[in-house]
Amino acid sequence: STPPAAGAEGAVSFGVVASSPTLFAVSSVYSSSISWTWGASPSFGDAPAPSRLYRVFPATVTAPFPAPQTTATSLASGATEASLTPNTTYTRFVTAYTDWGDSAPSGMVSTHTLAAEPSAPSFSAVAATALTFGWSGGANPSYTIYELNASSSAAFAAPVSTSFAAAVSSSPAGLAPNTTYYFRARAVNLDGVPTAYFATQ
């Protein structure tokens, strides 16, 4: 509280901030989680070991950083971020953290979660030459694209009609009266990766 006088001596202490993690990347992607990996930080400085962590952040945040999306111990080389939205773009970076604060951010990495499998297929408005086939998109965003297959073959042998739409129903017309048709659908994520088909109807 007393200002130093000219010629006075004293001691100053400081902490060394950790080095930035390297090789930040995606190791696996699911509909509601992403596993991130990184190379070990070259140095965690002189901070006590219990405070040493890796912290994963959204690309939009700037220092001073808020609470991270997920953390991992200094001995880990990756972490899984859960409770994500299907078919959504996520961009992240990782820092090495100690009591002295966060390191400089790693490079940013973007990926898309997989789409969720459609479910609950149903028919409605069944007529002689047309019908409506619908399903539930679950937690998928409204822009999710669905691939619909229609065939008179239970094995979906040729001919198979294929259409794509950001909708959870389809109303094909021009069908032959008194004929059995089979339909199936799957969701496609922003990277073009499809889900499995739900059960054939």
N, C-alpha and C. Protein backbone atom coordinates (compact mmCIF):
# COMPACT_ATOMS: atom_id res chain seq x y z
N SER A 1 0.82 -1.21 0.00
CA SER A 1 0.00 0.00 0.00
C SER A 1 0.85 1.26 0.00
N THR A 2 2.14 1.12 0.37
CA THR A 2 3.04 2.28 0.41
C THR A 2 3.85 2.33 -0.88
N PRO A 3 3.82 3.44 -1.59
CA PRO A 3 4.58 3.52 -2.85
C PRO A 3 6.08 3.32 -2.58
N PRO A 4 6.81 2.66 -3.49
CA PRO A 4 8.24 2.45 -3.28
C PRO A 4 9.00 3.78 -3.35
N ALA A 5 10.01 3.87 -2.54
CA ALA A 5 10.86 5.07 -2.54
C ALA A 5 12.04 4.86 -3.48
N ALA A 6 12.57 5.93 -3.98
CA ALA A 6 13.73 5.85 -4.87
C ALA A 6 14.87 5.11 -4.18
N GLY A 7 15.46 4.15 -4.91
CA GLY A 7 16.59 3.41 -4.34
C GLY A 7 16.17 2.21 -3.52
N ALA A 8 14.85 1.99 -3.32
CA ALA A 8 14.40 0.86 -2.52
C ALA A 8 14.55 -0.44 -3.29
N GLU A 9 14.69 -1.56 -2.59
CA GLU A 9 14.80 -2.87 -3.20
C GLU A 9 13.57 -3.70 -2.88
N GLY A 10 13.22 -4.65 -3.75
CA GLY A 10 12.07 -5.50 -3.49
C GLY A 10 12.13 -6.74 -4.36
N ALA A 11 11.12 -7.56 -4.26
CA ALA A 11 11.05 -8.80 -5.04
C ALA A 11 9.80 -8.79 -5.91
N VAL A 12 9.93 -9.34 -7.11
CA VAL A 12 8.82 -9.44 -8.04
C VAL A 12 8.68 -10.90 -8.47
N SER A 13 7.47 -11.40 -8.52
CA SER A 13 7.26 -12.77 -8.97
C SER A 13 6.33 -12.77 -10.18
N PHE A 14 6.43 -13.79 -11.02
CA PHE A 14 5.57 -13.92 -12.19
C PHE A 14 5.46 -15.39 -12.54
N GLY A 15 4.42 -15.72 -13.28
CA GLY A 15 4.22 -17.09 -13.74
C GLY A 15 4.43 -17.19 -15.23
N VAL A 16 4.86 -18.34 -15.68
CA VAL A 16 5.08 -18.58 -17.10
C VAL A 16 3.84 -19.27 -17.67
N VAL A 17 3.21 -18.63 -18.65
CA VAL A 17 2.00 -19.19 -19.27
C VAL A 17 2.39 -20.41 -20.13
N ALA A 18 1.52 -21.40 -20.16
CA ALA A 18 1.79 -22.63 -20.92
C ALA A 18 1.87 -22.35 -22.42
N SER A 19 2.56 -23.23 -23.12
CA SER A 19 2.63 -23.14 -24.58
C SER A 19 1.31 -23.61 -25.19
N SER A 20 1.04 -23.16 -26.39
CA SER A 20 -0.20 -23.52 -27.07
C SER A 20 -0.17 -24.98 -27.52
N PRO A 21 -1.27 -25.74 -27.36
CA PRO A 21 -1.34 -27.11 -27.88
C PRO A 21 -1.22 -27.11 -29.41
N THR A 22 -0.77 -28.21 -29.95
CA THR A 22 -0.59 -28.34 -31.40
C THR A 22 -1.45 -29.47 -31.95
N LEU A 23 -1.52 -29.55 -33.27
CA LEU A 23 -2.17 -30.67 -33.97
C LEU A 23 -3.62 -30.86 -33.54
N PHE A 24 -4.34 -29.77 -33.31
CA PHE A 24 -5.75 -29.86 -32.94
C PHE A 24 -6.54 -30.43 -34.11
N ALA A 25 -7.38 -31.43 -33.84
CA ALA A 25 -8.10 -32.11 -34.91
C ALA A 25 -9.34 -32.81 -34.35
N VAL A 26 -10.13 -33.37 -35.26
CA VAL A 26 -11.32 -34.16 -34.90
C VAL A 26 -10.97 -35.63 -35.02
N SER A 27 -11.28 -36.41 -33.99
CA SER A 27 -11.00 -37.85 -34.07
C SER A 27 -12.25 -38.66 -34.41
N SER A 28 -13.43 -38.22 -33.97
CA SER A 28 -14.67 -38.93 -34.31
C SER A 28 -15.85 -37.98 -34.13
N VAL A 29 -16.89 -38.24 -34.92
CA VAL A 29 -18.08 -37.39 -34.93
C VAL A 29 -19.31 -38.27 -34.84
N TYR A 30 -20.28 -37.85 -34.02
CA TYR A 30 -21.55 -38.55 -33.89
C TYR A 30 -22.67 -37.51 -33.99
N SER A 31 -23.91 -37.93 -33.85
CA SER A 31 -25.01 -36.99 -34.02
C SER A 31 -25.10 -35.97 -32.88
N SER A 32 -24.63 -36.32 -31.70
CA SER A 32 -24.74 -35.39 -30.58
C SER A 32 -23.42 -35.19 -29.82
N SER A 33 -22.30 -35.63 -30.41
CA SER A 33 -21.01 -35.45 -29.75
C SER A 33 -19.89 -35.40 -30.77
N ILE A 34 -18.79 -34.77 -30.37
CA ILE A 34 -17.58 -34.69 -31.18
C ILE A 34 -16.39 -34.97 -30.27
N SER A 35 -15.47 -35.81 -30.73
CA SER A 35 -14.24 -36.06 -29.98
C SER A 35 -13.11 -35.28 -30.63
N TRP A 36 -12.45 -34.44 -29.83
CA TRP A 36 -11.34 -33.60 -30.29
C TRP A 36 -10.02 -34.18 -29.81
N THR A 37 -8.96 -34.01 -30.57
CA THR A 37 -7.63 -34.44 -30.15
C THR A 37 -6.64 -33.31 -30.38
N TRP A 38 -5.47 -33.42 -29.72
CA TRP A 38 -4.42 -32.42 -29.88
C TRP A 38 -3.08 -33.03 -29.51
N GLY A 39 -2.02 -32.35 -29.91
CA GLY A 39 -0.69 -32.74 -29.48
C GLY A 39 -0.41 -32.12 -28.12
N ALA A 40 0.44 -32.74 -27.35
CA ALA A 40 0.73 -32.24 -26.01
C ALA A 40 1.35 -30.85 -26.08
N SER A 41 1.02 -30.03 -25.10
CA SER A 41 1.65 -28.72 -24.99
C SER A 41 3.13 -28.92 -24.71
N PRO A 42 4.04 -28.22 -25.42
CA PRO A 42 5.47 -28.38 -25.16
C PRO A 42 5.85 -28.05 -23.71
N SER A 43 5.10 -27.14 -23.10
CA SER A 43 5.45 -26.76 -21.73
C SER A 43 4.23 -26.19 -21.02
N PHE A 44 4.02 -26.63 -19.79
CA PHE A 44 2.97 -26.04 -18.96
C PHE A 44 3.53 -24.96 -18.04
N GLY A 45 4.77 -24.54 -18.27
CA GLY A 45 5.35 -23.50 -17.45
C GLY A 45 5.65 -24.01 -16.05
N ASP A 46 5.60 -23.11 -15.09
CA ASP A 46 5.95 -23.47 -13.71
C ASP A 46 4.74 -23.52 -12.80
N ALA A 47 3.54 -23.61 -13.37
CA ALA A 47 2.33 -23.65 -12.55
C ALA A 47 2.21 -25.00 -11.86
N PRO A 48 1.57 -25.05 -10.69
CA PRO A 48 1.40 -26.33 -9.99
C PRO A 48 0.59 -27.32 -10.83
N ALA A 49 0.94 -28.59 -10.74
CA ALA A 49 0.33 -29.62 -11.58
C ALA A 49 -1.19 -29.70 -11.46
N PRO A 50 -1.78 -29.57 -10.26
CA PRO A 50 -3.24 -29.69 -10.18
C PRO A 50 -4.01 -28.66 -11.02
N SER A 51 -3.38 -27.56 -11.37
CA SER A 51 -4.09 -26.53 -12.13
C SER A 51 -3.96 -26.71 -13.63
N ARG A 52 -3.21 -27.71 -14.08
CA ARG A 52 -2.92 -27.86 -15.51
C ARG A 52 -4.04 -28.60 -16.23
N LEU A 53 -4.64 -27.93 -17.21
CA LEU A 53 -5.77 -28.49 -17.96
C LEU A 53 -5.65 -28.13 -19.43
N TYR A 54 -6.41 -28.83 -20.24
CA TYR A 54 -6.71 -28.39 -21.60
C TYR A 54 -8.15 -27.92 -21.61
N ARG A 55 -8.43 -26.85 -22.34
CA ARG A 55 -9.78 -26.30 -22.37
C ARG A 55 -10.19 -26.04 -23.83
N VAL A 56 -11.37 -26.54 -24.18
CA VAL A 56 -11.89 -26.41 -25.54
C VAL A 56 -12.96 -25.32 -25.57
N PHE A 57 -12.82 -24.39 -26.54
CA PHE A 57 -13.71 -23.23 -26.62
C PHE A 57 -14.32 -23.10 -28.02
N PRO A 58 -15.50 -22.44 -28.10
CA PRO A 58 -16.04 -22.08 -29.42
C PRO A 58 -15.13 -21.06 -30.09
N ALA A 59 -15.07 -21.08 -31.40
CA ALA A 59 -14.19 -20.18 -32.13
C ALA A 59 -14.58 -18.72 -31.98
N THR A 60 -15.80 -18.45 -31.54
CA THR A 60 -16.28 -17.07 -31.47
C THR A 60 -15.82 -16.33 -30.22
N VAL A 61 -15.26 -17.02 -29.22
CA VAL A 61 -14.91 -16.34 -27.98
C VAL A 61 -13.52 -15.71 -28.09
N THR A 62 -13.31 -14.67 -27.30
CA THR A 62 -12.01 -14.00 -27.24
C THR A 62 -11.61 -13.85 -25.77
N ALA A 63 -10.31 -13.63 -25.53
CA ALA A 63 -9.81 -13.46 -24.16
C ALA A 63 -10.38 -12.17 -23.56
N PRO A 64 -10.65 -12.16 -22.24
CA PRO A 64 -10.53 -13.30 -21.31
C PRO A 64 -11.62 -14.34 -21.57
N PHE A 65 -11.19 -15.62 -21.64
CA PHE A 65 -12.10 -16.67 -22.06
C PHE A 65 -13.14 -16.99 -20.98
N PRO A 66 -14.37 -17.30 -21.41
CA PRO A 66 -15.42 -17.71 -20.47
C PRO A 66 -15.24 -19.18 -20.09
N ALA A 67 -16.27 -19.77 -19.50
CA ALA A 67 -16.21 -21.20 -19.17
C ALA A 67 -16.08 -22.00 -20.46
N PRO A 68 -15.24 -23.03 -20.48
CA PRO A 68 -15.03 -23.80 -21.70
C PRO A 68 -16.18 -24.75 -22.00
N GLN A 69 -16.20 -25.26 -23.23
CA GLN A 69 -17.18 -26.28 -23.61
C GLN A 69 -16.88 -27.61 -22.93
N THR A 70 -15.60 -27.93 -22.83
CA THR A 70 -15.18 -29.16 -22.14
C THR A 70 -13.72 -29.01 -21.75
N THR A 71 -13.25 -29.83 -20.80
CA THR A 71 -11.87 -29.78 -20.32
C THR A 71 -11.28 -31.18 -20.28
N ALA A 72 -9.96 -31.23 -20.15
CA ALA A 72 -9.25 -32.51 -19.99
C ALA A 72 -8.01 -32.24 -19.16
N THR A 73 -7.50 -33.26 -18.48
CA THR A 73 -6.31 -33.09 -17.67
C THR A 73 -5.08 -32.92 -18.55
N SER A 74 -3.99 -32.49 -17.95
CA SER A 74 -2.76 -32.26 -18.70
C SER A 74 -2.17 -33.54 -19.27
N LEU A 75 -2.62 -34.70 -18.77
CA LEU A 75 -2.11 -35.98 -19.27
C LEU A 75 -2.93 -36.50 -20.46
N ALA A 76 -4.04 -35.84 -20.75
CA ALA A 76 -4.92 -36.30 -21.82
C ALA A 76 -4.47 -35.74 -23.17
N SER A 77 -4.87 -36.42 -24.23
CA SER A 77 -4.57 -35.94 -25.58
C SER A 77 -5.86 -35.75 -26.37
N GLY A 78 -6.97 -35.63 -25.65
CA GLY A 78 -8.24 -35.40 -26.33
C GLY A 78 -9.38 -35.30 -25.33
N ALA A 79 -10.54 -34.89 -25.82
CA ALA A 79 -11.74 -34.78 -24.99
C ALA A 79 -12.96 -34.88 -25.88
N THR A 80 -14.07 -35.33 -25.30
CA THR A 80 -15.33 -35.46 -26.04
C THR A 80 -16.32 -34.41 -25.57
N GLU A 81 -16.86 -33.68 -26.51
CA GLU A 81 -17.88 -32.67 -26.22
C GLU A 81 -19.25 -33.27 -26.53
N ALA A 82 -20.13 -33.28 -25.56
CA ALA A 82 -21.42 -33.95 -25.69
C ALA A 82 -22.58 -32.95 -25.71
N SER A 83 -23.79 -33.47 -25.83
CA SER A 83 -25.04 -32.69 -25.82
C SER A 83 -25.08 -31.68 -26.96
N LEU A 84 -24.60 -32.07 -28.13
CA LEU A 84 -24.61 -31.20 -29.29
C LEU A 84 -25.85 -31.45 -30.15
N THR A 85 -26.13 -30.52 -31.05
CA THR A 85 -27.28 -30.64 -31.95
C THR A 85 -26.88 -31.41 -33.21
N PRO A 86 -27.69 -32.36 -33.65
CA PRO A 86 -27.34 -33.09 -34.88
C PRO A 86 -27.24 -32.17 -36.09
N ASN A 87 -26.43 -32.58 -37.08
CA ASN A 87 -26.30 -31.89 -38.35
C ASN A 87 -26.06 -30.39 -38.19
N THR A 88 -25.08 -30.07 -37.36
CA THR A 88 -24.77 -28.67 -37.05
C THR A 88 -23.27 -28.45 -37.14
N THR A 89 -22.87 -27.28 -37.60
CA THR A 89 -21.46 -26.94 -37.72
C THR A 89 -20.91 -26.47 -36.37
N TYR A 90 -19.78 -27.05 -35.97
CA TYR A 90 -19.10 -26.63 -34.74
C TYR A 90 -17.65 -26.30 -35.06
N THR A 91 -17.19 -25.14 -34.60
CA THR A 91 -15.81 -24.70 -34.79
C THR A 91 -15.20 -24.44 -33.42
N ARG A 92 -14.06 -25.05 -33.14
CA ARG A 92 -13.46 -25.00 -31.81
C ARG A 92 -11.95 -24.74 -31.88
N PHE A 93 -11.40 -24.31 -30.74
CA PHE A 93 -9.95 -24.29 -30.54
C PHE A 93 -9.68 -24.78 -29.13
N VAL A 94 -8.44 -25.13 -28.83
CA VAL A 94 -8.08 -25.62 -27.50
C VAL A 94 -6.93 -24.78 -26.95
N THR A 95 -6.91 -24.61 -25.64
CA THR A 95 -5.81 -23.94 -24.97
C THR A 95 -5.25 -24.85 -23.88
N ALA A 96 -4.01 -24.58 -23.47
CA ALA A 96 -3.43 -25.20 -22.27
C ALA A 96 -3.62 -24.18 -21.14
N TYR A 97 -4.18 -24.63 -20.04
CA TYR A 97 -4.56 -23.72 -18.95
C TYR A 97 -3.81 -24.07 -17.66
N THR A 98 -3.41 -23.04 -16.93
CA THR A 98 -2.84 -23.20 -15.59
C THR A 98 -3.36 -22.07 -14.71
N ASP A 99 -2.87 -22.02 -13.48
CA ASP A 99 -3.24 -20.92 -12.58
C ASP A 99 -2.85 -19.57 -13.16
N TRP A 100 -1.93 -19.55 -14.12
CA TRP A 100 -1.49 -18.28 -14.71
C TRP A 100 -2.34 -17.88 -15.92
N GLY A 101 -3.33 -18.71 -16.27
CA GLY A 101 -4.21 -18.37 -17.37
C GLY A 101 -4.10 -19.32 -18.54
N ASP A 102 -4.78 -18.98 -19.63
CA ASP A 102 -4.79 -19.81 -20.83
C ASP A 102 -3.60 -19.48 -21.73
N SER A 103 -3.13 -20.50 -22.43
CA SER A 103 -2.13 -20.29 -23.47
C SER A 103 -2.76 -19.58 -24.66
N ALA A 104 -1.96 -19.26 -25.64
CA ALA A 104 -2.51 -18.80 -26.91
C ALA A 104 -3.36 -19.92 -27.51
N PRO A 105 -4.43 -19.60 -28.23
CA PRO A 105 -5.28 -20.65 -28.80
C PRO A 105 -4.55 -21.48 -29.85
N SER A 106 -4.95 -22.72 -29.96
CA SER A 106 -4.49 -23.56 -31.07
C SER A 106 -5.15 -23.07 -32.36
N GLY A 107 -4.84 -23.69 -33.47
CA GLY A 107 -5.58 -23.42 -34.69
C GLY A 107 -7.02 -23.87 -34.55
N MET A 108 -7.91 -23.22 -35.28
CA MET A 108 -9.33 -23.56 -35.21
C MET A 108 -9.65 -24.73 -36.14
N VAL A 109 -10.62 -25.54 -35.73
CA VAL A 109 -11.05 -26.70 -36.52
C VAL A 109 -12.58 -26.71 -36.57
N SER A 110 -13.12 -26.96 -37.77
CA SER A 110 -14.58 -27.05 -37.95
C SER A 110 -14.97 -28.45 -38.39
N THR A 111 -16.15 -28.86 -37.95
CA THR A 111 -16.72 -30.12 -38.42
C THR A 111 -18.23 -30.05 -38.25
N HIS A 112 -18.93 -31.04 -38.79
CA HIS A 112 -20.39 -31.11 -38.66
C HIS A 112 -20.76 -32.39 -37.92
N THR A 113 -21.66 -32.27 -36.97
CA THR A 113 -22.20 -33.48 -36.36
C THR A 113 -23.01 -34.26 -37.40
N LEU A 114 -23.15 -35.55 -37.17
CA LEU A 114 -23.99 -36.37 -38.05
C LEU A 114 -25.45 -36.02 -37.85
N ALA A 115 -26.25 -36.29 -38.85
CA ALA A 115 -27.68 -36.13 -38.70
C ALA A 115 -28.23 -37.26 -37.84
N ALA A 116 -29.36 -37.01 -37.19
CA ALA A 116 -30.03 -38.05 -36.42
C ALA A 116 -30.87 -38.90 -37.36
N GLU A 117 -30.98 -40.19 -37.08
CA GLU A 117 -31.78 -41.07 -37.92
C GLU A 117 -33.26 -40.69 -37.85
N PRO A 118 -33.95 -40.63 -38.99
CA PRO A 118 -35.39 -40.39 -38.94
C PRO A 118 -36.10 -41.58 -38.31
N SER A 119 -37.31 -41.35 -37.84
CA SER A 119 -38.04 -42.41 -37.15
C SER A 119 -39.55 -42.22 -37.36
N ALA A 120 -40.30 -43.11 -36.79
CA ALA A 120 -41.77 -43.06 -36.79
C ALA A 120 -42.36 -42.90 -38.18
N PRO A 121 -42.02 -43.77 -39.13
CA PRO A 121 -42.62 -43.67 -40.47
C PRO A 121 -44.12 -43.95 -40.44
N SER A 122 -44.85 -43.26 -41.30
CA SER A 122 -46.31 -43.45 -41.31
C SER A 122 -46.87 -43.08 -42.68
N PHE A 123 -48.06 -43.60 -42.99
CA PHE A 123 -48.76 -43.29 -44.22
C PHE A 123 -50.02 -42.50 -43.90
N SER A 124 -50.40 -41.62 -44.83
CA SER A 124 -51.67 -40.89 -44.71
C SER A 124 -52.14 -40.54 -46.11
N ALA A 125 -53.37 -40.11 -46.22
CA ALA A 125 -53.96 -39.69 -47.49
C ALA A 125 -53.76 -40.75 -48.58
N VAL A 126 -54.02 -41.98 -48.23
CA VAL A 126 -53.84 -43.07 -49.19
C VAL A 126 -55.00 -43.08 -50.18
N ALA A 127 -54.66 -42.98 -51.49
CA ALA A 127 -55.67 -43.00 -52.55
C ALA A 127 -55.28 -44.05 -53.58
N ALA A 128 -56.02 -44.12 -54.68
CA ALA A 128 -55.77 -45.16 -55.69
C ALA A 128 -54.41 -45.01 -56.34
N THR A 129 -53.97 -43.77 -56.62
CA THR A 129 -52.71 -43.57 -57.34
C THR A 129 -51.75 -42.63 -56.60
N ALA A 130 -52.00 -42.35 -55.33
CA ALA A 130 -51.13 -41.44 -54.59
C ALA A 130 -51.26 -41.71 -53.09
N LEU A 131 -50.29 -41.26 -52.33
CA LEU A 131 -50.32 -41.35 -50.88
C LEU A 131 -49.30 -40.38 -50.31
N THR A 132 -49.35 -40.18 -49.02
CA THR A 132 -48.34 -39.36 -48.34
C THR A 132 -47.59 -40.22 -47.35
N PHE A 133 -46.27 -40.17 -47.44
CA PHE A 133 -45.41 -40.95 -46.55
C PHE A 133 -44.63 -39.96 -45.70
N GLY A 134 -44.73 -40.08 -44.38
CA GLY A 134 -44.08 -39.13 -43.47
C GLY A 134 -43.23 -39.83 -42.43
N TRP A 135 -42.42 -39.03 -41.72
CA TRP A 135 -41.54 -39.56 -40.68
C TRP A 135 -41.16 -38.43 -39.74
N SER A 136 -40.50 -38.75 -38.68
CA SER A 136 -40.04 -37.75 -37.71
C SER A 136 -38.56 -37.49 -37.91
N GLY A 137 -38.18 -36.21 -37.96
CA GLY A 137 -36.78 -35.84 -38.07
C GLY A 137 -36.09 -35.73 -36.73
N GLY A 138 -36.84 -35.89 -35.64
CA GLY A 138 -36.25 -35.82 -34.30
C GLY A 138 -35.58 -34.48 -34.04
N ALA A 139 -34.33 -34.54 -33.58
CA ALA A 139 -33.61 -33.32 -33.21
C ALA A 139 -32.91 -32.65 -34.38
N ASN A 140 -33.09 -33.17 -35.59
CA ASN A 140 -32.44 -32.57 -36.75
C ASN A 140 -32.95 -31.14 -37.00
N PRO A 141 -32.07 -30.21 -37.37
CA PRO A 141 -32.52 -28.86 -37.75
C PRO A 141 -33.41 -28.91 -38.98
N SER A 142 -34.17 -27.85 -39.19
CA SER A 142 -35.15 -27.83 -40.28
C SER A 142 -34.51 -27.87 -41.67
N TYR A 143 -33.23 -27.49 -41.77
CA TYR A 143 -32.58 -27.50 -43.09
C TYR A 143 -32.04 -28.88 -43.47
N THR A 144 -32.18 -29.86 -42.61
CA THR A 144 -31.66 -31.20 -42.89
C THR A 144 -32.32 -31.79 -44.14
N ILE A 145 -31.50 -32.38 -44.99
CA ILE A 145 -31.99 -33.01 -46.22
C ILE A 145 -32.24 -34.49 -45.96
N TYR A 146 -33.36 -34.98 -46.51
CA TYR A 146 -33.70 -36.39 -46.40
C TYR A 146 -33.73 -37.03 -47.78
N GLU A 147 -33.22 -38.24 -47.85
CA GLU A 147 -33.27 -39.03 -49.08
C GLU A 147 -34.39 -40.04 -48.96
N LEU A 148 -35.32 -40.01 -49.88
CA LEU A 148 -36.45 -40.94 -49.88
C LEU A 148 -36.32 -41.91 -51.05
N ASN A 149 -36.47 -43.19 -50.77
CA ASN A 149 -36.50 -44.23 -51.80
C ASN A 149 -37.89 -44.84 -51.84
N ALA A 150 -38.38 -45.07 -53.04
CA ALA A 150 -39.67 -45.74 -53.23
C ALA A 150 -39.48 -46.83 -54.27
N SER A 151 -40.09 -48.00 -54.01
CA SER A 151 -39.94 -49.12 -54.94
C SER A 151 -41.10 -50.09 -54.75
N SER A 152 -41.38 -50.84 -55.79
CA SER A 152 -42.37 -51.92 -55.67
C SER A 152 -41.69 -53.21 -55.24
N SER A 153 -40.37 -53.15 -55.00
CA SER A 153 -39.60 -54.30 -54.54
C SER A 153 -39.23 -54.13 -53.07
N ALA A 154 -39.51 -55.14 -52.26
CA ALA A 154 -39.16 -55.07 -50.85
C ALA A 154 -37.67 -54.98 -50.64
N ALA A 155 -36.88 -55.49 -51.60
CA ALA A 155 -35.42 -55.44 -51.52
C ALA A 155 -34.88 -54.16 -52.15
N PHE A 156 -35.78 -53.28 -52.61
CA PHE A 156 -35.40 -52.05 -53.31
C PHE A 156 -34.51 -52.34 -54.51
N ALA A 157 -34.90 -53.38 -55.22
CA ALA A 157 -34.27 -53.65 -56.50
C ALA A 157 -34.87 -52.69 -57.54
N ALA A 158 -34.17 -52.52 -58.64
CA ALA A 158 -34.63 -51.60 -59.66
C ALA A 158 -36.01 -52.01 -60.18
N PRO A 159 -36.87 -51.05 -60.51
CA PRO A 159 -36.60 -49.61 -60.46
C PRO A 159 -36.85 -49.02 -59.07
N VAL A 160 -36.01 -48.08 -58.66
CA VAL A 160 -36.15 -47.38 -57.38
C VAL A 160 -36.22 -45.88 -57.67
N SER A 161 -37.24 -45.24 -57.16
CA SER A 161 -37.38 -43.80 -57.29
C SER A 161 -36.70 -43.13 -56.09
N THR A 162 -35.79 -42.19 -56.35
CA THR A 162 -35.07 -41.51 -55.27
C THR A 162 -35.29 -40.01 -55.38
N SER A 163 -35.61 -39.39 -54.25
CA SER A 163 -35.79 -37.94 -54.23
C SER A 163 -35.16 -37.38 -52.95
N PHE A 164 -34.82 -36.08 -52.99
CA PHE A 164 -34.20 -35.41 -51.84
C PHE A 164 -35.01 -34.16 -51.51
N ALA A 165 -35.25 -33.93 -50.23
CA ALA A 165 -36.01 -32.76 -49.83
C ALA A 165 -35.74 -32.43 -48.37
N ALA A 166 -35.84 -31.15 -48.03
CA ALA A 166 -35.74 -30.72 -46.63
C ALA A 166 -37.15 -30.73 -46.05
N ALA A 167 -37.72 -31.89 -45.97
CA ALA A 167 -39.08 -32.06 -45.45
C ALA A 167 -39.17 -33.41 -44.79
N VAL A 168 -40.17 -33.59 -43.96
CA VAL A 168 -40.33 -34.88 -43.27
C VAL A 168 -41.55 -35.63 -43.81
N SER A 169 -41.88 -35.38 -45.08
CA SER A 169 -42.94 -36.13 -45.73
C SER A 169 -42.77 -36.03 -47.23
N SER A 170 -43.39 -36.96 -47.94
CA SER A 170 -43.37 -36.97 -49.39
C SER A 170 -44.70 -37.50 -49.88
N SER A 171 -45.18 -36.94 -51.00
CA SER A 171 -46.47 -37.35 -51.54
C SER A 171 -46.32 -37.74 -53.01
N PRO A 172 -45.70 -38.89 -53.28
CA PRO A 172 -45.54 -39.31 -54.67
C PRO A 172 -46.89 -39.62 -55.31
N ALA A 173 -47.03 -39.18 -56.56
CA ALA A 173 -48.26 -39.44 -57.31
C ALA A 173 -47.93 -40.34 -58.49
N GLY A 174 -48.94 -40.69 -59.25
CA GLY A 174 -48.74 -41.53 -60.42
C GLY A 174 -48.44 -42.97 -60.08
N LEU A 175 -48.87 -43.43 -58.92
CA LEU A 175 -48.65 -44.82 -58.53
C LEU A 175 -49.70 -45.71 -59.18
N ALA A 176 -49.35 -46.98 -59.34
CA ALA A 176 -50.30 -47.93 -59.94
C ALA A 176 -51.34 -48.35 -58.90
N PRO A 177 -52.59 -48.38 -59.26
CA PRO A 177 -53.63 -48.82 -58.30
C PRO A 177 -53.39 -50.27 -57.84
N ASN A 178 -53.84 -50.55 -56.63
CA ASN A 178 -53.82 -51.92 -56.08
C ASN A 178 -52.44 -52.56 -56.18
N THR A 179 -51.41 -51.77 -55.85
CA THR A 179 -50.03 -52.24 -55.92
C THR A 179 -49.33 -51.95 -54.61
N THR A 180 -48.48 -52.88 -54.17
CA THR A 180 -47.72 -52.68 -52.94
C THR A 180 -46.44 -51.89 -53.24
N TYR A 181 -46.24 -50.82 -52.49
CA TYR A 181 -45.01 -50.01 -52.62
C TYR A 181 -44.27 -50.00 -51.29
N TYR A 182 -42.96 -49.90 -51.39
CA TYR A 182 -42.11 -49.86 -50.20
C TYR A 182 -41.35 -48.53 -50.18
N PHE A 183 -41.28 -47.94 -48.99
CA PHE A 183 -40.63 -46.64 -48.84
C PHE A 183 -39.62 -46.70 -47.69
N ARG A 184 -38.57 -45.96 -47.84
CA ARG A 184 -37.61 -45.81 -46.76
C ARG A 184 -36.96 -44.42 -46.90
N ALA A 185 -36.45 -43.89 -45.80
CA ALA A 185 -35.82 -42.57 -45.82
C ALA A 185 -34.62 -42.56 -44.89
N ARG A 186 -33.70 -41.68 -45.17
CA ARG A 186 -32.55 -41.46 -44.30
C ARG A 186 -32.17 -40.00 -44.37
N ALA A 187 -31.55 -39.50 -43.31
CA ALA A 187 -31.12 -38.11 -43.26
C ALA A 187 -29.67 -38.00 -43.74
N VAL A 188 -29.35 -36.86 -44.32
CA VAL A 188 -28.01 -36.60 -44.84
C VAL A 188 -27.48 -35.33 -44.17
N ASN A 189 -26.26 -35.42 -43.60
CA ASN A 189 -25.75 -34.24 -42.89
C ASN A 189 -25.05 -33.27 -43.85
N LEU A 190 -24.52 -32.18 -43.32
CA LEU A 190 -23.93 -31.12 -44.14
C LEU A 190 -22.68 -31.56 -44.89
N ASP A 191 -22.08 -32.65 -44.46
CA ASP A 191 -20.92 -33.21 -45.17
C ASP A 191 -21.34 -34.25 -46.20
N GLY A 192 -22.66 -34.47 -46.34
CA GLY A 192 -23.13 -35.49 -47.28
C GLY A 192 -23.09 -36.89 -46.73
N VAL A 193 -22.94 -37.04 -45.41
CA VAL A 193 -22.88 -38.37 -44.80
C VAL A 193 -24.30 -38.78 -44.40
N PRO A 194 -24.80 -39.90 -44.92
CA PRO A 194 -26.17 -40.32 -44.60
C PRO A 194 -26.24 -41.15 -43.33
N THR A 195 -27.42 -41.16 -42.74
CA THR A 195 -27.70 -42.08 -41.64
C THR A 195 -28.08 -43.44 -42.22
N ALA A 196 -28.39 -44.38 -41.34
CA ALA A 196 -29.00 -45.63 -41.80
C ALA A 196 -30.45 -45.35 -42.18
N TYR A 197 -31.02 -46.21 -43.01
CA TYR A 197 -32.45 -46.10 -43.31
C TYR A 197 -33.24 -46.62 -42.11
N PHE A 198 -34.42 -46.04 -41.91
CA PHE A 198 -35.27 -46.69 -40.92
C PHE A 198 -35.96 -47.89 -41.57
N ALA A 199 -36.70 -48.63 -40.80
CA ALA A 199 -37.29 -49.88 -41.29
C ALA A 199 -38.18 -49.63 -42.49
N THR A 200 -38.07 -50.52 -43.45
CA THR A 200 -38.89 -50.42 -44.68
C THR A 200 -40.36 -50.57 -44.34
N GLN A 201 -41.20 -49.76 -44.97
CA GLN A 201 -42.64 -49.82 -44.75
C GLN A 201 -43.33 -50.38 -45.98
